[in-house]
């Protein structure tokens, strides 16, 4: 793991991240909240960095009593046709927003996910890129403060080890690193990694809203 991970997490936990919210993220947040309210304010699932959105679809089918919000920063990824069915589940929405903004907007609005998935994020594997990994980013404390059943998956074990260590540091709860057998892949990356026999890893934690 990165030698400066602990000090980076501690620094970000002790400071307030004040990056201005972009207009497109605010608009996406407002749209998603409106859709959630229209859908009856069901328990929320946040699919952060949903890419083309297949994971959002699968999660909506897996949890029909929840409302799933898929967020990705890339309009190109969200617009790709990846064999979406004609009729999408009514309990999900996909939008373009910056997660750095969206997580803070959720926190400010007092809206909390029941479940939160971070599936195969860009690992930024170079040593100098620690600050671009979500657990090394200044927004990480806000993500933790959102609470919910949080799960992160990757094919890069170090990323999951670092994520688990950062979560443990922030919460005081020991977060294990698990080998994961994705018998039913829910993202294109997960399917690709399974086909090429990559080992998959995940960490999970039940976050409370007191971890701020």
N, C-alpha and C. Protein backbone atom coordinates (compact mmCIF):
# COMPACT_ATOMS: atom_id res chain seq x y z
N UNK A 1 0.84 -1.19 0.00
CA UNK A 1 0.00 0.00 0.00
C UNK A 1 0.89 1.25 0.00
N UNK A 2 0.29 2.36 -0.40
CA UNK A 2 1.04 3.61 -0.48
C UNK A 2 1.51 4.04 0.90
N UNK A 3 2.77 4.44 1.00
CA UNK A 3 3.35 4.78 2.30
C UNK A 3 2.73 6.02 2.93
N UNK A 4 2.12 6.88 2.11
CA UNK A 4 1.54 8.12 2.64
C UNK A 4 0.02 8.05 2.76
N UNK A 5 -0.56 6.86 2.62
CA UNK A 5 -2.02 6.76 2.66
C UNK A 5 -2.59 7.25 3.98
N UNK A 6 -2.06 6.78 5.10
CA UNK A 6 -2.61 7.13 6.41
C UNK A 6 -2.54 8.63 6.65
N UNK A 7 -1.41 9.25 6.33
CA UNK A 7 -1.28 10.70 6.54
C UNK A 7 -2.20 11.47 5.62
N UNK A 8 -2.41 10.97 4.41
CA UNK A 8 -3.32 11.62 3.46
C UNK A 8 -4.75 11.57 3.97
N UNK A 9 -5.16 10.40 4.44
CA UNK A 9 -6.52 10.25 4.97
C UNK A 9 -6.71 11.15 6.19
N UNK A 10 -5.73 11.19 7.07
CA UNK A 10 -5.82 12.02 8.27
C UNK A 10 -5.92 13.50 7.91
N UNK A 11 -5.16 13.92 6.94
CA UNK A 11 -5.19 15.33 6.52
C UNK A 11 -6.57 15.70 5.98
N UNK A 12 -7.13 14.84 5.15
CA UNK A 12 -8.42 15.15 4.57
C UNK A 12 -9.54 15.08 5.60
N UNK A 13 -9.39 14.20 6.58
CA UNK A 13 -10.40 14.10 7.63
C UNK A 13 -10.42 15.34 8.52
N UNK A 14 -9.30 16.05 8.57
CA UNK A 14 -9.19 17.22 9.45
C UNK A 14 -9.51 18.53 8.75
N UNK A 15 -9.82 18.48 7.46
CA UNK A 15 -10.08 19.71 6.71
C UNK A 15 -11.43 19.60 5.99
N UNK A 16 -11.96 20.74 5.59
CA UNK A 16 -13.23 20.78 4.85
C UNK A 16 -12.93 21.03 3.38
N UNK A 17 -13.45 20.17 2.53
CA UNK A 17 -13.23 20.28 1.09
C UNK A 17 -14.23 21.28 0.52
N UNK A 18 -13.76 22.36 -0.09
CA UNK A 18 -14.63 23.46 -0.48
C UNK A 18 -14.65 23.72 -1.99
N UNK A 19 -14.36 22.73 -2.79
CA UNK A 19 -14.42 22.93 -4.23
C UNK A 19 -15.83 23.35 -4.65
N UNK A 20 -15.97 24.38 -5.49
CA UNK A 20 -17.30 24.82 -5.92
C UNK A 20 -18.04 23.71 -6.67
N UNK A 21 -19.34 23.65 -6.48
CA UNK A 21 -20.19 22.67 -7.15
C UNK A 21 -20.43 23.11 -8.59
N UNK A 22 -20.24 22.21 -9.53
CA UNK A 22 -20.49 22.54 -10.94
C UNK A 22 -21.99 22.59 -11.20
N UNK A 23 -22.38 23.40 -12.18
CA UNK A 23 -23.81 23.56 -12.50
C UNK A 23 -24.42 22.26 -13.01
N UNK A 24 -23.65 21.48 -13.78
CA UNK A 24 -24.23 20.26 -14.33
C UNK A 24 -24.42 19.21 -13.25
N UNK A 25 -23.55 19.21 -12.24
CA UNK A 25 -23.74 18.28 -11.13
C UNK A 25 -24.96 18.67 -10.30
N UNK A 26 -25.14 19.97 -10.08
CA UNK A 26 -26.30 20.44 -9.33
C UNK A 26 -27.59 20.08 -10.06
N UNK A 27 -27.59 20.26 -11.39
CA UNK A 27 -28.78 19.93 -12.18
C UNK A 27 -29.07 18.44 -12.12
N UNK A 28 -28.02 17.62 -12.21
CA UNK A 28 -28.21 16.16 -12.14
C UNK A 28 -28.73 15.75 -10.78
N UNK A 29 -28.20 16.37 -9.74
CA UNK A 29 -28.66 16.05 -8.39
C UNK A 29 -30.14 16.40 -8.23
N UNK A 30 -30.52 17.56 -8.69
CA UNK A 30 -31.92 17.98 -8.59
C UNK A 30 -32.84 17.03 -9.36
N UNK A 31 -32.40 16.61 -10.54
CA UNK A 31 -33.19 15.67 -11.35
C UNK A 31 -33.34 14.33 -10.65
N UNK A 32 -32.24 13.84 -10.09
CA UNK A 32 -32.28 12.52 -9.44
C UNK A 32 -33.16 12.55 -8.19
N UNK A 33 -33.08 13.61 -7.42
CA UNK A 33 -33.92 13.72 -6.23
C UNK A 33 -35.40 13.79 -6.62
N UNK A 34 -35.68 14.52 -7.69
CA UNK A 34 -37.05 14.59 -8.17
C UNK A 34 -37.58 13.23 -8.59
N UNK A 35 -36.74 12.46 -9.29
CA UNK A 35 -37.14 11.12 -9.73
C UNK A 35 -37.34 10.20 -8.54
N UNK A 36 -36.48 10.33 -7.54
CA UNK A 36 -36.60 9.52 -6.32
C UNK A 36 -37.90 9.83 -5.58
N UNK A 37 -38.22 11.10 -5.46
CA UNK A 37 -39.46 11.49 -4.79
C UNK A 37 -40.67 10.98 -5.55
N UNK A 38 -40.64 11.12 -6.87
CA UNK A 38 -41.74 10.63 -7.71
C UNK A 38 -41.92 9.13 -7.56
N UNK A 39 -40.82 8.42 -7.33
CA UNK A 39 -40.85 6.96 -7.18
C UNK A 39 -41.21 6.51 -5.78
N UNK A 40 -41.60 7.44 -4.94
CA UNK A 40 -42.09 7.08 -3.62
C UNK A 40 -41.06 7.08 -2.51
N UNK A 41 -39.92 7.74 -2.75
CA UNK A 41 -38.87 7.84 -1.72
C UNK A 41 -38.46 6.46 -1.19
N UNK A 42 -38.29 5.51 -2.08
CA UNK A 42 -37.84 4.18 -1.68
C UNK A 42 -36.42 4.28 -1.12
N UNK A 43 -35.97 3.27 -0.37
CA UNK A 43 -34.57 3.25 0.07
C UNK A 43 -33.65 3.40 -1.15
N UNK A 44 -32.61 4.18 -0.97
CA UNK A 44 -31.74 4.53 -2.10
C UNK A 44 -30.54 3.60 -2.22
N UNK A 45 -30.18 3.30 -3.46
CA UNK A 45 -28.90 2.66 -3.78
C UNK A 45 -28.14 3.61 -4.68
N UNK A 46 -26.91 3.93 -4.33
CA UNK A 46 -26.06 4.80 -5.14
C UNK A 46 -25.03 3.95 -5.87
N UNK A 47 -25.05 4.02 -7.20
CA UNK A 47 -24.11 3.30 -8.05
C UNK A 47 -23.11 4.33 -8.57
N UNK A 48 -22.05 4.54 -7.80
CA UNK A 48 -21.09 5.61 -8.08
C UNK A 48 -20.08 5.17 -9.14
N UNK A 49 -19.95 6.00 -10.19
CA UNK A 49 -19.07 5.65 -11.29
C UNK A 49 -19.66 4.50 -12.08
N UNK A 50 -20.92 4.64 -12.48
CA UNK A 50 -21.67 3.52 -13.08
C UNK A 50 -21.26 3.21 -14.51
N UNK A 51 -20.41 4.05 -15.13
CA UNK A 51 -19.98 3.77 -16.50
C UNK A 51 -21.15 3.78 -17.47
N UNK A 52 -21.28 2.72 -18.24
CA UNK A 52 -22.38 2.64 -19.21
C UNK A 52 -23.72 2.39 -18.53
N UNK A 53 -23.70 2.03 -17.26
CA UNK A 53 -24.94 1.91 -16.51
C UNK A 53 -25.52 0.52 -16.38
N UNK A 54 -24.82 -0.50 -16.87
CA UNK A 54 -25.37 -1.86 -16.74
C UNK A 54 -25.48 -2.27 -15.27
N UNK A 55 -24.55 -1.82 -14.45
CA UNK A 55 -24.64 -2.14 -13.03
C UNK A 55 -25.88 -1.51 -12.41
N UNK A 56 -26.23 -0.31 -12.85
CA UNK A 56 -27.44 0.35 -12.36
C UNK A 56 -28.67 -0.49 -12.69
N UNK A 57 -28.71 -0.99 -13.91
CA UNK A 57 -29.83 -1.84 -14.34
C UNK A 57 -29.89 -3.12 -13.50
N UNK A 58 -28.75 -3.77 -13.33
CA UNK A 58 -28.74 -5.03 -12.57
C UNK A 58 -29.13 -4.80 -11.11
N UNK A 59 -28.65 -3.71 -10.53
CA UNK A 59 -28.98 -3.43 -9.14
C UNK A 59 -30.47 -3.12 -8.98
N UNK A 60 -31.05 -2.43 -9.98
CA UNK A 60 -32.48 -2.12 -9.93
C UNK A 60 -33.31 -3.39 -9.99
N UNK A 61 -32.85 -4.36 -10.77
CA UNK A 61 -33.57 -5.64 -10.85
C UNK A 61 -33.35 -6.48 -9.59
N UNK A 62 -32.14 -6.38 -9.02
CA UNK A 62 -31.83 -7.17 -7.84
C UNK A 62 -32.54 -6.64 -6.60
N UNK A 63 -32.76 -5.32 -6.57
CA UNK A 63 -33.42 -4.69 -5.41
C UNK A 63 -34.64 -3.90 -5.90
N UNK A 64 -35.73 -4.59 -6.24
CA UNK A 64 -36.90 -3.90 -6.79
C UNK A 64 -37.59 -2.98 -5.80
N UNK A 65 -37.31 -3.15 -4.51
CA UNK A 65 -37.92 -2.30 -3.50
C UNK A 65 -37.05 -1.08 -3.18
N UNK A 66 -36.00 -0.86 -3.96
CA UNK A 66 -35.12 0.30 -3.82
C UNK A 66 -35.20 1.18 -5.07
N UNK A 67 -34.66 2.39 -4.96
CA UNK A 67 -34.48 3.26 -6.12
C UNK A 67 -32.98 3.44 -6.33
N UNK A 68 -32.51 3.14 -7.54
CA UNK A 68 -31.08 3.13 -7.83
C UNK A 68 -30.70 4.35 -8.66
N UNK A 69 -29.71 5.09 -8.19
CA UNK A 69 -29.19 6.26 -8.91
C UNK A 69 -27.79 5.92 -9.41
N UNK A 70 -27.62 5.88 -10.72
CA UNK A 70 -26.32 5.65 -11.34
C UNK A 70 -25.70 6.97 -11.75
N UNK A 71 -24.48 7.23 -11.30
CA UNK A 71 -23.80 8.50 -11.57
C UNK A 71 -22.47 8.21 -12.25
N UNK A 72 -22.21 8.92 -13.34
CA UNK A 72 -20.90 8.83 -13.99
C UNK A 72 -20.56 10.21 -14.56
N UNK A 73 -19.27 10.52 -14.60
CA UNK A 73 -18.85 11.83 -15.08
C UNK A 73 -18.81 11.90 -16.60
N UNK A 74 -18.79 10.75 -17.27
CA UNK A 74 -18.62 10.72 -18.73
C UNK A 74 -19.96 10.62 -19.45
N UNK A 75 -20.30 11.66 -20.20
CA UNK A 75 -21.51 11.62 -21.02
C UNK A 75 -21.39 10.57 -22.11
N UNK A 76 -20.16 10.36 -22.61
CA UNK A 76 -19.94 9.36 -23.66
C UNK A 76 -20.26 7.96 -23.16
N UNK A 77 -19.79 7.62 -21.97
CA UNK A 77 -20.07 6.29 -21.43
C UNK A 77 -21.57 6.09 -21.21
N UNK A 78 -22.22 7.10 -20.65
CA UNK A 78 -23.64 6.98 -20.36
C UNK A 78 -24.48 6.85 -21.63
N UNK A 79 -23.98 7.38 -22.76
CA UNK A 79 -24.74 7.37 -24.00
C UNK A 79 -24.54 6.10 -24.82
N UNK A 80 -23.59 5.25 -24.43
CA UNK A 80 -23.30 4.05 -25.22
C UNK A 80 -24.45 3.06 -25.15
N UNK A 81 -24.72 2.44 -26.28
CA UNK A 81 -25.75 1.40 -26.35
C UNK A 81 -25.09 0.07 -26.04
N UNK A 82 -25.37 -0.46 -24.89
CA UNK A 82 -24.76 -1.73 -24.49
C UNK A 82 -25.86 -2.76 -24.22
N UNK A 83 -26.69 -2.95 -25.20
CA UNK A 83 -27.75 -3.96 -25.15
C UNK A 83 -28.75 -3.70 -24.02
N UNK A 84 -29.11 -2.43 -23.87
CA UNK A 84 -30.15 -2.11 -22.90
C UNK A 84 -31.47 -2.70 -23.37
N UNK A 85 -32.28 -3.22 -22.47
CA UNK A 85 -33.60 -3.74 -22.86
C UNK A 85 -34.53 -2.60 -23.28
N UNK A 86 -35.55 -2.95 -23.99
CA UNK A 86 -36.51 -1.94 -24.45
C UNK A 86 -37.18 -1.24 -23.27
N UNK A 87 -37.60 -2.01 -22.29
CA UNK A 87 -38.26 -1.46 -21.12
C UNK A 87 -37.34 -1.53 -19.92
N UNK A 88 -36.89 -0.38 -19.45
CA UNK A 88 -36.02 -0.32 -18.28
C UNK A 88 -36.85 -0.39 -17.00
N UNK A 89 -36.28 -0.90 -15.94
CA UNK A 89 -36.99 -0.87 -14.66
C UNK A 89 -37.33 0.58 -14.28
N UNK A 90 -38.46 0.76 -13.68
CA UNK A 90 -38.87 2.11 -13.32
C UNK A 90 -38.20 2.63 -12.06
N UNK A 91 -37.42 1.79 -11.40
CA UNK A 91 -36.82 2.18 -10.13
C UNK A 91 -35.34 2.54 -10.26
N UNK A 92 -34.95 3.11 -11.40
CA UNK A 92 -33.56 3.54 -11.55
C UNK A 92 -33.45 4.73 -12.49
N UNK A 93 -32.35 5.45 -12.35
CA UNK A 93 -32.06 6.59 -13.22
C UNK A 93 -30.55 6.68 -13.35
N UNK A 94 -30.08 7.12 -14.51
CA UNK A 94 -28.65 7.33 -14.75
C UNK A 94 -28.44 8.78 -15.13
N UNK A 95 -27.43 9.41 -14.56
CA UNK A 95 -27.17 10.81 -14.84
C UNK A 95 -25.69 11.10 -14.89
N UNK A 96 -25.34 12.19 -15.57
CA UNK A 96 -23.95 12.66 -15.61
C UNK A 96 -23.73 13.69 -14.51
N UNK A 97 -22.77 13.40 -13.65
CA UNK A 97 -22.38 14.33 -12.60
C UNK A 97 -20.98 13.97 -12.13
N UNK A 98 -20.34 14.92 -11.48
CA UNK A 98 -19.04 14.68 -10.86
C UNK A 98 -19.32 14.14 -9.45
N UNK A 99 -18.80 12.95 -9.14
CA UNK A 99 -19.04 12.37 -7.83
C UNK A 99 -18.52 13.26 -6.71
N UNK A 100 -17.46 14.00 -6.96
CA UNK A 100 -16.93 14.93 -5.97
C UNK A 100 -18.00 15.93 -5.56
N UNK A 101 -18.85 16.33 -6.50
CA UNK A 101 -19.96 17.23 -6.22
C UNK A 101 -21.16 16.48 -5.68
N UNK A 102 -21.49 15.37 -6.33
CA UNK A 102 -22.74 14.67 -6.02
C UNK A 102 -22.76 14.16 -4.58
N UNK A 103 -21.67 13.57 -4.13
CA UNK A 103 -21.63 13.07 -2.75
C UNK A 103 -21.83 14.20 -1.75
N UNK A 104 -21.21 15.35 -2.00
CA UNK A 104 -21.35 16.47 -1.07
C UNK A 104 -22.76 17.05 -1.11
N UNK A 105 -23.38 17.05 -2.28
CA UNK A 105 -24.75 17.54 -2.39
C UNK A 105 -25.71 16.63 -1.62
N UNK A 106 -25.50 15.32 -1.72
CA UNK A 106 -26.32 14.39 -0.94
C UNK A 106 -26.16 14.64 0.56
N UNK A 107 -24.92 14.84 0.96
CA UNK A 107 -24.64 15.05 2.38
C UNK A 107 -25.30 16.34 2.87
N UNK A 108 -25.18 17.40 2.07
CA UNK A 108 -25.76 18.69 2.45
C UNK A 108 -27.28 18.63 2.52
N UNK A 109 -27.89 17.81 1.65
CA UNK A 109 -29.35 17.70 1.60
C UNK A 109 -29.90 16.74 2.65
N UNK A 110 -29.02 16.04 3.34
CA UNK A 110 -29.47 15.10 4.35
C UNK A 110 -30.07 13.84 3.76
N UNK A 111 -29.69 13.51 2.52
CA UNK A 111 -30.19 12.31 1.85
C UNK A 111 -29.12 11.23 1.95
N UNK A 112 -29.49 10.05 2.43
CA UNK A 112 -28.52 9.01 2.68
C UNK A 112 -28.87 7.74 1.92
N UNK A 113 -27.90 7.09 1.30
CA UNK A 113 -28.16 5.82 0.61
C UNK A 113 -28.29 4.67 1.60
N UNK A 114 -29.13 3.72 1.26
CA UNK A 114 -29.21 2.47 2.02
C UNK A 114 -28.03 1.59 1.65
N UNK A 115 -27.66 1.62 0.37
CA UNK A 115 -26.51 0.88 -0.14
C UNK A 115 -25.72 1.79 -1.06
N UNK A 116 -24.40 1.58 -1.09
CA UNK A 116 -23.53 2.41 -1.93
C UNK A 116 -22.48 1.51 -2.57
N UNK A 117 -22.46 1.50 -3.90
CA UNK A 117 -21.52 0.66 -4.64
C UNK A 117 -20.51 1.53 -5.39
N UNK A 118 -19.24 1.14 -5.29
CA UNK A 118 -18.15 1.75 -6.05
C UNK A 118 -17.47 0.60 -6.78
N UNK A 119 -17.89 0.37 -8.02
CA UNK A 119 -17.51 -0.83 -8.75
C UNK A 119 -16.43 -0.54 -9.79
N UNK A 120 -15.26 -1.10 -9.58
CA UNK A 120 -14.14 -1.04 -10.51
C UNK A 120 -13.77 0.40 -10.91
N UNK A 121 -13.50 1.23 -9.89
CA UNK A 121 -13.06 2.60 -10.20
C UNK A 121 -11.69 2.59 -10.86
N UNK A 122 -11.38 3.67 -11.56
CA UNK A 122 -10.05 3.83 -12.14
C UNK A 122 -9.03 3.71 -11.01
N UNK A 123 -8.11 2.75 -11.09
CA UNK A 123 -7.19 2.53 -9.95
C UNK A 123 -6.07 3.55 -9.81
N UNK A 124 -5.82 4.34 -10.87
CA UNK A 124 -4.70 5.28 -10.83
C UNK A 124 -3.49 4.62 -10.17
N UNK A 125 -2.87 3.64 -10.82
CA UNK A 125 -1.87 2.80 -10.17
C UNK A 125 -0.51 3.44 -9.92
N UNK A 126 -0.20 4.57 -10.59
CA UNK A 126 1.11 5.17 -10.37
C UNK A 126 1.18 5.78 -8.96
N UNK A 127 2.35 5.70 -8.37
CA UNK A 127 2.53 6.13 -6.98
C UNK A 127 2.12 7.59 -6.77
N UNK A 128 2.41 8.44 -7.76
CA UNK A 128 2.11 9.86 -7.60
C UNK A 128 0.63 10.17 -7.74
N UNK A 129 -0.18 9.17 -8.05
CA UNK A 129 -1.61 9.38 -8.27
C UNK A 129 -2.47 9.01 -7.05
N UNK A 130 -1.88 8.90 -5.88
CA UNK A 130 -2.66 8.54 -4.70
C UNK A 130 -3.87 9.46 -4.52
N UNK A 131 -3.68 10.75 -4.74
CA UNK A 131 -4.76 11.71 -4.54
C UNK A 131 -5.90 11.57 -5.51
N UNK A 132 -5.72 10.76 -6.57
CA UNK A 132 -6.81 10.54 -7.52
C UNK A 132 -7.60 9.28 -7.21
N UNK A 133 -7.06 8.42 -6.36
CA UNK A 133 -7.83 7.27 -5.89
C UNK A 133 -8.85 7.79 -4.89
N UNK A 134 -10.04 7.23 -4.89
CA UNK A 134 -11.10 7.82 -4.06
C UNK A 134 -10.72 7.87 -2.59
N UNK A 135 -10.04 6.85 -2.07
CA UNK A 135 -9.68 6.86 -0.66
C UNK A 135 -8.56 7.84 -0.35
N UNK A 136 -7.88 8.34 -1.38
CA UNK A 136 -6.83 9.34 -1.18
C UNK A 136 -7.26 10.74 -1.58
N UNK A 137 -8.53 10.88 -1.97
CA UNK A 137 -9.07 12.16 -2.45
C UNK A 137 -9.64 12.96 -1.27
N UNK A 138 -9.62 14.29 -1.35
CA UNK A 138 -10.19 15.11 -0.28
C UNK A 138 -11.68 14.88 -0.02
N UNK A 139 -12.39 14.31 -0.99
CA UNK A 139 -13.83 14.09 -0.81
C UNK A 139 -14.13 12.80 -0.05
N UNK A 140 -13.13 11.99 0.21
CA UNK A 140 -13.36 10.69 0.84
C UNK A 140 -14.13 10.79 2.17
N UNK A 141 -13.81 11.74 3.06
CA UNK A 141 -14.60 11.84 4.30
C UNK A 141 -16.08 12.07 4.05
N UNK A 142 -16.42 12.83 3.02
CA UNK A 142 -17.83 13.06 2.70
C UNK A 142 -18.49 11.78 2.23
N UNK A 143 -17.76 10.98 1.44
CA UNK A 143 -18.30 9.71 0.97
C UNK A 143 -18.57 8.78 2.15
N UNK A 144 -17.64 8.73 3.10
CA UNK A 144 -17.82 7.89 4.27
C UNK A 144 -19.01 8.38 5.10
N UNK A 145 -19.16 9.70 5.22
CA UNK A 145 -20.23 10.27 6.03
C UNK A 145 -21.62 9.98 5.47
N UNK A 146 -21.71 9.65 4.20
CA UNK A 146 -23.01 9.32 3.62
C UNK A 146 -23.62 8.08 4.27
N UNK A 147 -22.78 7.18 4.74
CA UNK A 147 -23.28 5.98 5.40
C UNK A 147 -23.78 4.93 4.43
N UNK A 148 -24.54 3.99 4.96
CA UNK A 148 -25.09 2.91 4.14
C UNK A 148 -24.18 1.69 4.08
N UNK A 149 -24.68 0.65 3.45
CA UNK A 149 -23.89 -0.56 3.22
C UNK A 149 -22.98 -0.29 2.03
N UNK A 150 -21.71 -0.04 2.30
CA UNK A 150 -20.76 0.36 1.25
C UNK A 150 -19.97 -0.85 0.77
N UNK A 151 -19.79 -0.93 -0.57
CA UNK A 151 -19.00 -2.01 -1.16
C UNK A 151 -18.17 -1.46 -2.31
N UNK A 152 -16.88 -1.78 -2.30
CA UNK A 152 -15.97 -1.41 -3.39
C UNK A 152 -15.37 -2.68 -3.97
N UNK A 153 -15.34 -2.77 -5.31
CA UNK A 153 -14.75 -3.93 -5.99
C UNK A 153 -13.68 -3.47 -6.97
N UNK A 154 -12.66 -4.30 -7.14
CA UNK A 154 -11.59 -4.02 -8.10
C UNK A 154 -10.87 -5.31 -8.44
N UNK A 155 -10.17 -5.30 -9.57
CA UNK A 155 -9.29 -6.42 -9.89
C UNK A 155 -7.86 -6.15 -9.41
N UNK A 156 -7.64 -4.98 -8.80
CA UNK A 156 -6.33 -4.62 -8.28
C UNK A 156 -6.39 -4.69 -6.77
N UNK A 157 -5.77 -5.72 -6.20
CA UNK A 157 -5.89 -5.96 -4.77
C UNK A 157 -5.40 -4.78 -3.94
N UNK A 158 -4.34 -4.13 -4.37
CA UNK A 158 -3.80 -3.01 -3.60
C UNK A 158 -4.84 -1.91 -3.43
N UNK A 159 -5.63 -1.67 -4.47
CA UNK A 159 -6.66 -0.63 -4.37
C UNK A 159 -7.64 -0.98 -3.25
N UNK A 160 -8.06 -2.23 -3.19
CA UNK A 160 -9.01 -2.64 -2.17
C UNK A 160 -8.35 -2.65 -0.79
N UNK A 161 -7.10 -3.05 -0.72
CA UNK A 161 -6.40 -3.02 0.56
C UNK A 161 -6.29 -1.58 1.08
N UNK A 162 -5.99 -0.65 0.18
CA UNK A 162 -5.91 0.75 0.58
C UNK A 162 -7.28 1.29 0.98
N UNK A 163 -8.31 0.95 0.21
CA UNK A 163 -9.66 1.41 0.52
C UNK A 163 -10.10 0.89 1.89
N UNK A 164 -9.84 -0.38 2.14
CA UNK A 164 -10.20 -0.98 3.43
C UNK A 164 -9.44 -0.31 4.57
N UNK A 165 -8.15 -0.05 4.36
CA UNK A 165 -7.34 0.60 5.40
C UNK A 165 -7.85 2.01 5.68
N UNK A 166 -8.20 2.74 4.63
CA UNK A 166 -8.71 4.11 4.81
C UNK A 166 -10.05 4.10 5.53
N UNK A 167 -10.91 3.15 5.19
CA UNK A 167 -12.20 3.03 5.86
C UNK A 167 -12.01 2.68 7.34
N UNK A 168 -11.08 1.78 7.63
CA UNK A 168 -10.78 1.42 9.01
C UNK A 168 -10.27 2.63 9.78
N UNK A 169 -9.39 3.40 9.15
CA UNK A 169 -8.84 4.59 9.79
C UNK A 169 -9.93 5.61 10.10
N UNK A 170 -10.89 5.77 9.18
CA UNK A 170 -11.95 6.76 9.34
C UNK A 170 -13.00 6.33 10.36
N UNK A 171 -13.25 5.03 10.47
CA UNK A 171 -14.38 4.55 11.26
C UNK A 171 -14.00 3.81 12.53
N UNK A 172 -12.78 3.30 12.60
CA UNK A 172 -12.40 2.48 13.74
C UNK A 172 -12.90 1.05 13.64
N UNK A 173 -13.50 0.71 12.50
CA UNK A 173 -14.02 -0.65 12.27
C UNK A 173 -13.06 -1.40 11.35
N UNK A 174 -12.66 -2.59 11.74
CA UNK A 174 -11.78 -3.40 10.90
C UNK A 174 -12.52 -3.84 9.64
N UNK A 175 -12.01 -3.45 8.49
CA UNK A 175 -12.65 -3.77 7.21
C UNK A 175 -11.82 -4.83 6.50
N UNK A 176 -12.37 -6.03 6.30
CA UNK A 176 -11.59 -7.10 5.66
C UNK A 176 -11.53 -6.93 4.14
N UNK A 177 -10.49 -7.49 3.55
CA UNK A 177 -10.35 -7.59 2.10
C UNK A 177 -10.71 -9.01 1.71
N UNK A 178 -11.63 -9.14 0.75
CA UNK A 178 -12.14 -10.46 0.38
C UNK A 178 -11.89 -10.73 -1.10
N UNK A 179 -11.51 -11.96 -1.42
CA UNK A 179 -11.55 -12.42 -2.80
C UNK A 179 -13.01 -12.56 -3.18
N UNK A 180 -13.35 -12.17 -4.42
CA UNK A 180 -14.75 -12.14 -4.82
C UNK A 180 -14.95 -12.92 -6.11
N UNK A 181 -15.88 -13.85 -6.09
CA UNK A 181 -16.21 -14.62 -7.29
C UNK A 181 -17.50 -14.07 -7.87
N UNK A 182 -17.39 -13.28 -8.93
CA UNK A 182 -18.56 -12.66 -9.55
C UNK A 182 -19.24 -13.68 -10.46
N UNK A 183 -19.99 -14.58 -9.87
CA UNK A 183 -20.65 -15.63 -10.64
C UNK A 183 -21.65 -15.06 -11.64
N UNK A 184 -22.23 -13.90 -11.30
CA UNK A 184 -23.13 -13.20 -12.22
C UNK A 184 -22.61 -11.77 -12.35
N UNK A 185 -21.80 -11.51 -13.37
CA UNK A 185 -21.18 -10.20 -13.53
C UNK A 185 -22.23 -9.14 -13.76
N UNK A 186 -22.06 -7.96 -13.11
CA UNK A 186 -23.04 -6.89 -13.29
C UNK A 186 -22.46 -5.65 -13.96
N UNK A 187 -21.16 -5.68 -14.30
CA UNK A 187 -20.58 -4.59 -15.07
C UNK A 187 -19.76 -5.17 -16.21
N UNK A 188 -19.54 -4.39 -17.28
CA UNK A 188 -18.69 -4.89 -18.38
C UNK A 188 -17.28 -5.24 -17.92
N UNK A 189 -16.70 -4.44 -17.01
CA UNK A 189 -15.37 -4.74 -16.50
C UNK A 189 -15.37 -6.07 -15.74
N UNK A 190 -16.39 -6.28 -14.94
CA UNK A 190 -16.47 -7.51 -14.17
C UNK A 190 -16.54 -8.72 -15.10
N UNK A 191 -17.31 -8.60 -16.15
CA UNK A 191 -17.42 -9.69 -17.13
C UNK A 191 -16.08 -9.92 -17.83
N UNK A 192 -15.40 -8.84 -18.20
CA UNK A 192 -14.11 -8.95 -18.89
C UNK A 192 -13.07 -9.60 -17.98
N UNK A 193 -13.03 -9.17 -16.74
CA UNK A 193 -12.04 -9.73 -15.81
C UNK A 193 -12.30 -11.21 -15.54
N UNK A 194 -13.56 -11.57 -15.42
CA UNK A 194 -13.89 -12.98 -15.20
C UNK A 194 -13.47 -13.82 -16.40
N UNK A 195 -13.73 -13.29 -17.61
CA UNK A 195 -13.39 -14.04 -18.82
C UNK A 195 -11.89 -14.24 -18.96
N UNK A 196 -11.10 -13.28 -18.47
CA UNK A 196 -9.64 -13.39 -18.56
C UNK A 196 -9.03 -13.99 -17.29
N UNK A 197 -9.90 -14.52 -16.40
CA UNK A 197 -9.48 -15.21 -15.19
C UNK A 197 -8.71 -14.32 -14.21
N UNK A 198 -9.03 -13.03 -14.21
CA UNK A 198 -8.45 -12.15 -13.20
C UNK A 198 -9.07 -12.46 -11.85
N UNK A 199 -8.27 -12.35 -10.79
CA UNK A 199 -8.82 -12.42 -9.45
C UNK A 199 -9.52 -11.09 -9.15
N UNK A 200 -10.67 -11.16 -8.51
CA UNK A 200 -11.43 -9.97 -8.14
C UNK A 200 -11.42 -9.83 -6.62
N UNK A 201 -11.46 -8.57 -6.16
CA UNK A 201 -11.38 -8.28 -4.73
C UNK A 201 -12.44 -7.27 -4.34
N UNK A 202 -12.84 -7.31 -3.09
CA UNK A 202 -13.81 -6.33 -2.61
C UNK A 202 -13.60 -6.08 -1.12
N UNK A 203 -14.11 -4.93 -0.67
CA UNK A 203 -14.23 -4.66 0.76
C UNK A 203 -15.62 -4.11 1.00
N UNK A 204 -16.16 -4.43 2.17
CA UNK A 204 -17.52 -4.02 2.52
C UNK A 204 -17.57 -3.56 3.96
N UNK A 205 -18.43 -2.59 4.21
CA UNK A 205 -18.60 -2.09 5.58
C UNK A 205 -19.99 -1.48 5.71
N UNK A 206 -20.59 -1.67 6.87
CA UNK A 206 -21.86 -1.01 7.19
C UNK A 206 -21.51 0.32 7.84
N UNK A 207 -21.62 1.37 7.07
CA UNK A 207 -21.28 2.71 7.56
C UNK A 207 -22.49 3.33 8.27
N UNK A 208 -22.24 3.99 9.38
CA UNK A 208 -23.29 4.75 10.05
C UNK A 208 -23.07 6.22 9.74
N UNK A 209 -24.06 7.02 10.02
CA UNK A 209 -23.97 8.44 9.70
C UNK A 209 -23.11 9.20 10.71
N UNK A 210 -22.59 8.50 11.71
CA UNK A 210 -21.74 9.16 12.70
C UNK A 210 -20.28 9.20 12.26
N UNK A 211 -19.95 8.51 11.15
CA UNK A 211 -18.56 8.49 10.68
C UNK A 211 -18.28 9.73 9.85
N UNK A 212 -18.13 10.85 10.51
CA UNK A 212 -17.91 12.12 9.82
C UNK A 212 -16.67 12.80 10.37
